Amino acid sequence: MSKIFNIKCPSCGTQQDVELYEAVNAGAEPELKQALLENRLNRIDCADCEASFRIDLPLLYSDLQHNILIHWIPETADLAKEQIIEEFDQSLEQINTMLPADIAAPNVRLVLTRVELVELIYIIEAGLNHRVVEYVKYSIHTRNMEKVDPKKFCLLLNVQDSTADELFFVMQNVETQELGSELRYGRPAYESMVGLYDENPEEFLEMFPGPCVSARNLLLEDSSSTET
């Protein structure tokens, strides 16, 4: 689903009408999915100065094959993370009450950045447990706080380069968005965590209760509450 928006070039200020997508159906629109994965979706070339830039607006990604709905709601100066999550939870409650009793509700996730959206798509398609992956990230952060400070870095799972023996995580500098060092985590340890999840998912659900499943956000919230 797309709409025409009038946007201003951040480089030269030229205004132009452009087509931007607010929803991507992975099954029906594979070309849009590929553009999203390759950072080409909603990317604009200025008609005047030819500057290339991306327009970030709320996007709904749906994949019926994997029974998943992912909402990407970018943080802005006018809409903080806490407000996004609160409003999203309210909308989710309304959706659940409207669904017929005989229809299973889809898995719904909320992400705040494009990188998180792309990472989650790869995690789901690889058949990995998203909450367990975030639990692993939480463990890596807490055991290497000086090296992987969540205030400075976020951890991203590199699904494509991971192997049958190891999961590869890459550190992304929050300020510059640059990718840096790679950290490895044994696949057997991850599989053990999945076994624990299957036996007792309540612990993981309590740790990551809502649709926004993020180890970094949890650590930042813990740090903020400790400082206050």
Protein backbone atom coordinates (compact mmCIF):
# COMPACT_ATOMS: atom_id res chain seq x y z
CA MET A 1 0.00 0.00 0.00
CA SER A 2 1.40 3.34 -1.03
CA LYS A 3 0.46 7.01 -0.91
CA ILE A 4 1.71 10.19 -2.54
CA PHE A 5 3.53 12.52 -0.16
CA ASN A 6 4.99 15.97 -0.70
CA ILE A 7 8.50 15.90 0.78
CA LYS A 8 11.34 18.38 1.10
CA CYS A 9 14.90 17.45 0.19
CA PRO A 10 17.06 17.65 3.35
CA SER A 11 20.00 18.78 1.21
CA CYS A 12 18.65 21.58 -0.99
CA GLY A 13 15.08 22.08 0.24
CA THR A 14 13.41 21.27 -3.07
CA GLN A 15 9.87 19.92 -2.64
CA GLN A 16 8.46 17.14 -4.77
CA ASP A 17 5.62 14.60 -4.77
CA VAL A 18 6.81 11.02 -4.25
CA GLU A 19 5.22 7.61 -3.78
CA LEU A 20 5.96 6.10 -0.36
CA TYR A 21 4.92 2.69 0.96
CA GLU A 22 3.16 2.26 4.29
CA ALA A 23 2.70 -1.52 4.09
CA VAL A 24 4.54 -4.48 2.59
CA ASN A 25 2.96 -7.90 2.05
CA ALA A 26 5.89 -10.32 1.80
CA GLY A 27 3.94 -12.98 -0.09
CA ALA A 28 2.12 -10.75 -2.57
CA GLU A 29 4.86 -8.13 -3.03
CA PRO A 30 8.25 -9.90 -3.01
CA GLU A 31 9.85 -7.01 -4.91
CA LEU A 32 8.91 -4.60 -2.10
CA LYS A 33 10.22 -7.01 0.50
CA GLN A 34 13.54 -7.21 -1.35
CA ALA A 35 13.71 -3.41 -1.60
CA LEU A 36 13.14 -3.22 2.16
CA LEU A 37 15.90 -5.73 2.89
CA GLU A 38 18.29 -3.87 0.59
CA ASN A 39 17.49 -0.42 2.07
CA ARG A 40 15.88 0.76 -1.19
CA LEU A 41 12.28 1.04 0.00
CA ASN A 42 11.08 4.64 0.36
CA ARG A 43 14.46 5.93 -0.80
CA ILE A 44 14.21 9.14 -2.83
CA ASP A 45 16.50 10.82 -5.35
CA CYS A 46 16.04 14.60 -5.30
CA ALA A 47 14.86 15.90 -8.67
CA ASP A 48 17.01 19.00 -8.27
CA CYS A 49 20.31 18.18 -6.53
CA GLU A 50 20.08 14.36 -7.00
CA ALA A 51 20.76 13.75 -3.29
CA SER A 52 19.63 10.30 -2.17
CA PHE A 53 17.81 9.96 1.12
CA ARG A 54 15.33 7.63 2.84
CA ILE A 55 11.96 8.67 4.22
CA ASP A 56 11.07 6.81 7.42
CA LEU A 57 7.38 6.54 8.17
CA PRO A 58 5.31 3.90 9.99
CA LEU A 59 5.32 0.65 8.03
CA LEU A 60 3.34 -2.56 8.43
CA TYR A 61 5.16 -5.70 7.29
CA SER A 62 2.99 -8.82 6.95
CA ASP A 63 4.00 -12.39 6.20
CA LEU A 64 1.08 -14.81 6.20
CA GLN A 65 3.35 -17.81 5.59
CA HIS A 66 5.04 -17.18 8.95
CA ASN A 67 1.89 -15.75 10.61
CA ILE A 68 3.64 -12.52 11.54
CA LEU A 69 2.80 -8.83 11.55
CA ILE A 70 5.62 -6.39 12.27
CA HIS A 71 4.95 -2.72 12.87
CA TRP A 72 7.86 -0.38 12.35
CA ILE A 73 7.12 2.91 14.08
CA PRO A 74 10.16 5.20 13.90
CA GLU A 75 10.97 7.26 16.97
CA THR A 76 10.71 11.01 16.38
CA ALA A 77 11.18 14.14 18.41
CA ASP A 78 7.38 14.31 18.80
CA LEU A 79 6.79 10.64 19.58
CA ALA A 80 9.00 9.00 22.21
CA LYS A 81 9.50 5.25 22.58
CA GLU A 82 7.35 5.00 25.71
CA GLN A 83 4.43 6.71 23.99
CA ILE A 84 4.80 4.52 20.89
CA ILE A 85 4.65 1.33 22.97
CA GLU A 86 1.69 2.57 25.05
CA GLU A 87 -0.36 3.53 21.98
CA PHE A 88 0.59 0.32 20.18
CA ASP A 89 -0.52 -1.82 23.16
CA GLN A 90 -3.89 -0.08 23.13
CA SER A 91 -4.32 -0.72 19.41
CA LEU A 92 -3.31 -4.36 19.85
CA GLU A 93 -5.97 -4.87 22.52
CA GLN A 94 -8.59 -3.49 20.16
CA ILE A 95 -7.43 -5.81 17.36
CA ASN A 96 -7.62 -8.87 19.62
CA THR A 97 -11.15 -8.05 20.75
CA MET A 98 -12.30 -7.66 17.13
CA LEU A 99 -10.97 -11.05 15.95
CA PRO A 100 -13.50 -13.92 15.75
CA ALA A 101 -12.99 -16.58 18.40
CA ASP A 102 -12.17 -19.28 15.82
CA ILE A 103 -9.37 -17.29 14.16
CA ALA A 104 -5.88 -17.47 15.66
CA ALA A 105 -4.35 -14.06 16.25
CA PRO A 106 -1.12 -13.45 14.31
CA ASN A 107 2.15 -12.90 16.09
CA VAL A 108 2.52 -9.14 16.29
CA ARG A 109 5.83 -7.39 16.86
CA LEU A 110 6.85 -3.77 17.21
CA VAL A 111 10.24 -2.37 16.15
CA LEU A 112 11.57 1.16 16.25
CA THR A 113 14.28 1.04 13.56
CA ARG A 114 14.61 -0.31 10.03
CA VAL A 115 17.62 -2.39 11.07
CA GLU A 116 15.57 -4.10 13.79
CA LEU A 117 12.84 -4.80 11.25
CA VAL A 118 15.24 -6.42 8.78
CA GLU A 119 16.93 -8.41 11.54
CA LEU A 120 13.58 -9.71 12.79
CA ILE A 121 12.52 -10.77 9.30
CA TYR A 122 15.69 -12.86 8.93
CA ILE A 123 15.28 -14.33 12.44
CA ILE A 124 11.70 -15.40 11.74
CA GLU A 125 12.49 -16.88 8.33
CA ALA A 126 15.40 -18.83 9.82
CA GLY A 127 13.04 -20.42 12.35
CA LEU A 128 14.85 -18.91 15.33
CA ASN A 129 13.10 -17.97 18.56
CA HIS A 130 13.10 -14.17 18.74
CA ARG A 131 12.74 -13.95 22.52
CA VAL A 132 15.56 -16.43 23.06
CA VAL A 133 17.77 -14.46 20.66
CA GLU A 134 17.11 -11.31 22.70
CA TYR A 135 17.85 -13.24 25.90
CA VAL A 136 21.21 -14.21 24.39
CA LYS A 137 21.86 -10.55 23.55
CA TYR A 138 20.96 -9.59 27.12
CA SER A 139 23.48 -12.13 28.40
CA ILE A 140 26.21 -10.88 26.06
CA HIS A 141 25.60 -7.26 27.09
CA THR A 142 25.62 -7.97 30.83
CA ARG A 143 28.74 -10.13 30.69
CA ASN A 144 30.67 -7.65 28.54
CA MET A 145 29.26 -4.33 29.71
CA GLU A 146 32.46 -2.35 29.17
CA LYS A 147 32.93 -3.64 25.62
CA VAL A 148 29.26 -3.84 24.63
CA ASP A 149 27.74 -0.92 26.53
CA PRO A 150 24.04 -0.76 25.49
CA LYS A 151 24.21 3.04 25.70
CA LYS A 152 26.77 3.00 22.89
CA PHE A 153 26.11 -0.24 20.99
CA CYS A 154 23.28 -2.48 19.93
CA LEU A 155 23.77 -6.11 19.02
CA LEU A 156 22.42 -7.44 15.73
CA LEU A 157 22.19 -11.11 14.82
CA ASN A 158 23.83 -11.81 11.47
CA VAL A 159 21.62 -14.70 10.45
CA GLN A 160 23.10 -15.07 6.99
CA ASP A 161 26.68 -15.63 8.21
CA SER A 162 25.75 -17.73 11.25
CA THR A 163 26.64 -21.41 11.04
CA ALA A 164 25.39 -24.70 12.42
CA ASP A 165 27.91 -24.28 15.23
CA GLU A 166 27.76 -20.56 16.02
CA LEU A 167 25.50 -17.55 15.93
CA PHE A 168 27.25 -14.39 14.76
CA PHE A 169 26.35 -11.07 16.38
CA VAL A 170 27.67 -7.74 15.16
CA MET A 171 28.05 -4.56 17.22
CA GLN A 172 26.44 -1.45 15.77
CA ASN A 173 27.47 1.99 17.01
CA VAL A 174 24.22 3.70 18.03
CA GLU A 175 25.50 7.19 17.21
CA THR A 176 27.19 6.56 13.87
CA GLN A 177 25.18 3.46 12.81
CA GLU A 178 28.48 1.87 11.74
CA LEU A 179 28.94 -1.89 12.11
CA GLY A 180 31.96 -3.01 14.09
CA SER A 181 33.25 -6.06 15.92
CA GLU A 182 31.65 -9.45 15.60
CA LEU A 183 30.82 -11.66 18.58
CA ARG A 184 30.17 -15.39 18.40
CA TYR A 185 27.77 -17.44 20.50
CA GLY A 186 27.67 -21.22 20.47
CA ARG A 187 24.64 -22.70 18.76
CA PRO A 188 24.38 -25.54 21.35
CA ALA A 189 24.04 -22.92 24.11
CA TYR A 190 21.26 -21.23 22.11
CA GLU A 191 19.50 -24.57 21.57
CA SER A 192 19.67 -25.22 25.32
CA MET A 193 17.97 -21.88 25.88
CA VAL A 194 15.26 -22.87 23.38
CA GLY A 195 14.72 -26.05 25.38
CA LEU A 196 14.27 -24.01 28.54
CA TYR A 197 11.83 -21.75 26.71
CA ASP A 198 9.78 -24.71 25.51
CA GLU A 199 9.61 -26.08 29.07
CA ASN A 200 8.89 -22.78 30.80
CA PRO A 201 8.17 -19.83 28.48
CA GLU A 202 6.79 -17.72 31.34
CA GLU A 203 10.27 -16.59 32.42
CA PHE A 204 11.07 -15.29 28.94
CA LEU A 205 7.62 -13.73 28.51
CA GLU A 206 8.00 -11.99 31.85
CA MET A 207 11.36 -10.62 30.77
CA PHE A 208 10.06 -9.50 27.37
CA PRO A 209 6.29 -9.19 27.91
CA GLY A 210 5.17 -6.91 25.09
CA PRO A 211 5.38 -6.73 21.32
CA CYS A 212 8.63 -4.71 21.48
CA VAL A 213 11.14 -7.45 22.31
CA SER A 214 14.51 -5.78 22.83
CA ALA A 215 17.37 -6.66 25.16
CA ARG A 216 18.96 -3.25 24.67
CA ASN A 217 15.75 -1.39 25.55
CA LEU A 218 15.37 -3.51 28.67
CA LEU A 219 18.93 -2.76 29.77
CA LEU A 220 18.48 0.96 29.14
CA GLU A 221 15.25 0.94 31.16
CA ASP A 222 17.01 -0.89 34.02
CA SER A 223 19.88 1.61 33.91
CA SER A 224 17.49 4.55 33.91
CA SER A 225 15.53 3.25 36.90
CA THR A 226 18.76 2.57 38.81
CA GLU A 227 20.06 6.10 38.19
CA THR A 228 16.82 7.68 39.39
